[in-house]
Amino acid sequence: MANEVSAEQLAAFKKELDTRVTVERPRIQEVLKATRADGDLSEHGDYSSAREEQGENESRIQELERLIASAKVSES
């Protein structure tokens, strides 16, 4: 099913996707790597927070990919 969007909306989706993949994903991975190095993860709130943030980021990436793939630019 195609989603009608303006050219500006499509560009914004693409920009957000690029930022989430090239900036946010590596940043979160670094936080996870650093917190793993700190030891016991069961008592590490920063690790849990980073895992939650990672899940939210990956969900949004998937949503944006679906939106972009099914987008139909409206003729306005």
Protein backbone atom coordinates (compact mmCIF):
# COMPACT_ATOMS: atom_id res chain seq x y z
CA MET A 1 0.00 0.00 0.00
CA ALA A 2 1.46 3.34 -1.05
CA ASN A 3 1.68 6.20 1.39
CA GLU A 4 1.15 9.59 -0.19
CA VAL A 5 3.74 12.04 1.06
CA SER A 6 5.11 15.36 -0.10
CA ALA A 7 8.60 15.53 -1.56
CA GLU A 8 9.65 17.40 1.59
CA GLN A 9 8.30 14.65 3.85
CA LEU A 10 10.09 11.99 1.84
CA ALA A 11 13.34 13.95 2.04
CA ALA A 12 12.87 14.31 5.81
CA PHE A 13 12.29 10.55 6.17
CA LYS A 14 15.43 9.82 4.16
CA LYS A 15 17.48 12.29 6.21
CA GLU A 16 16.23 10.83 9.49
CA LEU A 17 16.97 7.30 8.28
CA ASP A 18 20.50 8.29 7.27
CA THR A 19 21.12 9.94 10.65
CA ARG A 20 19.78 6.96 12.58
CA VAL A 21 21.91 4.50 10.58
CA THR A 22 25.15 6.47 10.28
CA VAL A 23 25.18 8.46 13.54
CA GLU A 24 22.81 7.02 16.15
CA ARG A 25 23.41 3.32 15.52
CA PRO A 26 27.23 3.59 15.89
CA ARG A 27 26.88 5.89 18.91
CA ILE A 28 24.60 3.43 20.69
CA GLN A 29 26.93 0.55 19.80
CA GLU A 30 29.83 2.44 21.38
CA VAL A 31 27.82 3.03 24.57
CA LEU A 32 26.99 -0.67 24.72
CA LYS A 33 30.61 -1.61 24.14
CA ALA A 34 31.80 0.75 26.88
CA THR A 35 29.21 -0.42 29.40
CA ARG A 36 29.98 -4.08 28.65
CA ALA A 37 33.59 -3.35 29.48
CA ASP A 38 32.50 -2.01 32.89
CA GLY A 39 31.59 -5.48 34.14
CA ASP A 40 28.39 -6.87 35.66
CA LEU A 41 25.58 -5.99 33.25
CA SER A 42 22.78 -7.16 35.55
CA GLU A 43 23.36 -4.15 37.79
CA HIS A 44 24.28 -1.66 35.09
CA GLY A 45 21.52 0.87 34.39
CA ASP A 46 23.45 2.52 31.55
CA TYR A 47 23.61 -0.78 29.69
CA SER A 48 19.87 -1.36 30.09
CA SER A 49 19.13 2.17 28.94
CA ALA A 50 21.38 1.79 25.91
CA ARG A 51 19.72 -1.54 24.99
CA GLU A 52 16.31 0.11 25.21
CA GLU A 53 17.50 3.03 23.08
CA GLN A 54 18.96 0.57 20.58
CA GLY A 55 15.62 -1.21 20.28
CA GLU A 56 13.75 2.03 19.76
CA ASN A 57 16.28 3.19 17.16
CA GLU A 58 16.14 -0.09 15.23
CA SER A 59 12.33 -0.06 15.29
CA ARG A 60 12.29 3.46 13.89
CA ILE A 61 14.82 2.49 11.20
CA GLN A 62 12.55 -0.35 10.10
CA GLU A 63 9.52 1.95 10.12
CA LEU A 64 11.33 4.57 8.02
CA GLU A 65 12.51 1.94 5.54
CA ARG A 66 8.91 0.75 5.11
CA LEU A 67 7.62 4.32 4.74
CA ILE A 68 10.26 5.18 2.15
CA ALA A 69 9.77 1.95 0.20
CA SER A 70 6.01 2.47 -0.03
CA ALA A 71 6.03 6.25 -0.45
CA LYS A 72 4.30 7.86 -3.37
CA VAL A 73 5.10 11.53 -3.78
CA SER A 74 1.89 13.51 -4.04
CA GLU A 75 1.47 15.98 -6.87
CA SER A 76 0.67 19.15 -4.96
